[in-house]
Amino acid sequence: SQPVFLERLAVSTTDSSVVSWIEATDHRLRDLLAAADDASRDQGRGRAVSTADGFRFAVHSLQQWTVQHPCPEPAFAGQFEVLLARYGFISLVAEDEPSLPDGARFSTAVNRLRILNADLRAFLDDLEEHRREQRCGEPLD
């Protein structure tokens, strides 16, 4: 059975512009994921502020890029926008972290970030599967 993202994509488009968008977006999403992984790992190790800065920069950069390069597939764009909004919220919480005496709020955000990172990994897998499917012209099992 195909992931839900791909089922909706298969019904709505086979346009090469989606594949081009996937290829242009892939490394940006992976950069965000790496920064988010670093931020979640370093919280509580004395490096949380510096990695949180890198995380916020990665979120902001991707948000700015997507303004100029929106996803051409509406069903896909909706999922992407939700993921990006969730990262944006967590980056705002990370921005407040230095002012928090016990870091409890940021710690909660880190737990959410780990869940979100798993969602992004699934999204990246779906992107890759869709890209391969479009290149080969048939679904992969």
Protein backbone atom coordinates (compact mmCIF):
# COMPACT_ATOMS: atom_id res chain seq x y z
CA SER A 1 0.00 0.00 0.00
CA GLN A 2 1.26 3.47 -0.90
CA PRO A 3 1.73 6.17 1.77
CA VAL A 4 -1.19 8.60 1.99
CA PHE A 5 0.88 11.45 0.52
CA LEU A 6 1.56 9.44 -2.61
CA GLU A 7 -1.99 8.20 -3.03
CA ARG A 8 -3.19 11.79 -3.25
CA LEU A 9 -0.35 12.76 -5.59
CA ALA A 10 -0.96 9.86 -7.94
CA VAL A 11 -4.58 10.93 -8.35
CA SER A 12 -3.92 14.62 -8.86
CA THR A 13 -0.80 14.99 -10.99
CA THR A 14 1.99 13.44 -12.97
CA ASP A 15 3.43 16.87 -13.75
CA SER A 16 7.20 17.11 -14.03
CA SER A 17 7.06 20.44 -12.15
CA VAL A 18 6.35 18.48 -8.97
CA VAL A 19 9.43 16.35 -9.52
CA SER A 20 11.48 19.48 -10.18
CA TRP A 21 10.17 21.03 -6.97
CA ILE A 22 11.01 17.86 -5.04
CA GLU A 23 14.55 17.89 -6.38
CA ALA A 24 15.00 21.58 -5.54
CA THR A 25 13.53 21.20 -2.07
CA ASP A 26 15.15 17.94 -0.98
CA HIS A 27 18.49 19.30 0.25
CA ARG A 28 16.75 22.20 2.01
CA LEU A 29 14.52 19.77 3.91
CA ARG A 30 17.52 17.63 4.78
CA ASP A 31 19.39 20.73 6.05
CA LEU A 32 16.40 21.55 8.24
CA LEU A 33 16.25 17.99 9.51
CA ALA A 34 19.98 18.02 10.37
CA ALA A 35 19.65 21.33 12.23
CA ALA A 36 16.58 20.06 14.08
CA ASP A 37 18.36 16.83 15.01
CA ASP A 38 21.32 18.85 16.33
CA ALA A 39 19.03 21.12 18.36
CA SER A 40 17.14 18.21 19.89
CA ARG A 41 20.37 16.35 20.71
CA ASP A 42 22.20 19.34 22.20
CA GLN A 43 19.43 20.59 24.48
CA GLY A 44 20.67 20.18 28.03
CA ARG A 45 24.33 19.79 27.01
CA GLY A 46 25.27 23.46 27.20
CA ARG A 47 25.18 23.91 23.44
CA ALA A 48 21.43 24.32 23.11
CA VAL A 49 21.57 28.06 22.39
CA SER A 50 24.03 27.77 19.49
CA THR A 51 22.27 24.82 17.90
CA ALA A 52 18.90 26.49 18.45
CA ASP A 53 20.25 29.45 16.47
CA GLY A 54 21.20 27.10 13.62
CA PHE A 55 17.78 25.48 13.79
CA ARG A 56 15.96 28.84 13.68
CA PHE A 57 18.11 29.90 10.72
CA ALA A 58 17.27 26.67 8.84
CA VAL A 59 13.53 27.14 9.48
CA HIS A 60 13.61 30.80 8.45
CA SER A 61 15.64 30.05 5.31
CA LEU A 62 13.21 27.36 4.18
CA GLN A 63 10.22 29.59 4.93
CA GLN A 64 11.74 32.37 2.82
CA TRP A 65 12.64 30.01 -0.02
CA THR A 66 9.15 28.53 -0.20
CA VAL A 67 7.59 31.99 -0.60
CA GLN A 68 9.35 32.18 -3.97
CA HIS A 69 9.08 28.45 -4.75
CA PRO A 70 5.69 27.13 -3.65
CA CYS A 71 4.90 23.47 -4.20
CA PRO A 72 2.95 23.10 -7.47
CA GLU A 73 0.88 20.19 -6.16
CA PRO A 74 -1.96 21.37 -3.86
CA ALA A 75 -2.38 18.11 -1.92
CA PHE A 76 1.34 17.90 -1.35
CA ALA A 77 1.69 21.61 -0.58
CA GLY A 78 -0.81 21.34 2.26
CA GLN A 79 1.23 18.66 4.04
CA PHE A 80 4.43 20.61 3.48
CA GLU A 81 2.94 23.86 4.81
CA VAL A 82 1.72 22.11 7.97
CA LEU A 83 5.17 20.61 8.60
CA LEU A 84 6.85 23.97 8.04
CA ALA A 85 4.37 25.76 10.35
CA ARG A 86 5.04 23.19 13.08
CA TYR A 87 8.79 23.78 12.72
CA GLY A 88 8.17 27.53 12.81
CA PHE A 89 6.30 27.22 16.10
CA ILE A 90 9.05 25.14 17.68
CA SER A 91 11.68 27.63 16.48
CA LEU A 92 9.79 30.38 18.32
CA VAL A 93 9.83 28.31 21.50
CA ALA A 94 13.57 27.71 20.98
CA GLU A 95 14.07 31.46 20.70
CA ASP A 96 12.62 31.88 24.21
CA GLU A 97 14.76 29.10 25.72
CA PRO A 98 17.57 31.28 27.16
CA SER A 99 15.04 33.18 29.30
CA LEU A 100 13.62 30.02 30.83
CA PRO A 101 15.20 29.13 34.17
CA ASP A 102 14.64 25.38 34.04
CA GLY A 103 14.34 24.87 30.30
CA ALA A 104 11.16 22.83 30.83
CA ARG A 105 9.30 24.57 28.01
CA PHE A 106 12.17 24.04 25.61
CA SER A 107 12.52 20.45 26.76
CA THR A 108 8.87 19.89 25.85
CA ALA A 109 9.54 21.53 22.49
CA VAL A 110 12.49 19.19 21.96
CA ASN A 111 10.22 16.20 22.48
CA ARG A 112 7.80 17.65 19.94
CA LEU A 113 10.71 18.32 17.64
CA ARG A 114 11.75 14.67 17.73
CA ILE A 115 8.21 13.64 16.74
CA LEU A 116 8.17 16.28 14.01
CA ASN A 117 11.53 15.07 12.71
CA ALA A 118 10.05 11.58 12.34
CA ASP A 119 7.16 13.10 10.37
CA LEU A 120 9.62 14.97 8.14
CA ARG A 121 11.60 11.78 7.53
CA ALA A 122 8.39 10.06 6.40
CA PHE A 123 7.61 13.05 4.18
CA LEU A 124 11.10 12.86 2.63
CA ASP A 125 10.63 9.15 1.98
CA ASP A 126 7.33 9.91 0.25
CA LEU A 127 9.00 12.62 -1.83
CA GLU A 128 11.70 10.23 -2.95
CA GLU A 129 9.23 7.50 -3.78
CA HIS A 130 7.12 9.92 -5.82
CA ARG A 131 10.17 11.18 -7.68
CA ARG A 132 11.28 7.64 -8.57
CA GLU A 133 7.76 6.71 -9.60
CA GLN A 134 7.55 9.70 -11.94
CA ARG A 135 10.90 8.87 -13.51
CA CYS A 136 10.02 5.21 -14.04
CA GLY A 137 6.40 5.84 -14.96
CA GLU A 138 4.93 3.21 -12.66
CA PRO A 139 4.36 2.69 -8.95
CA LEU A 140 7.09 1.11 -6.86
CA ASP A 141 6.19 -1.75 -4.52
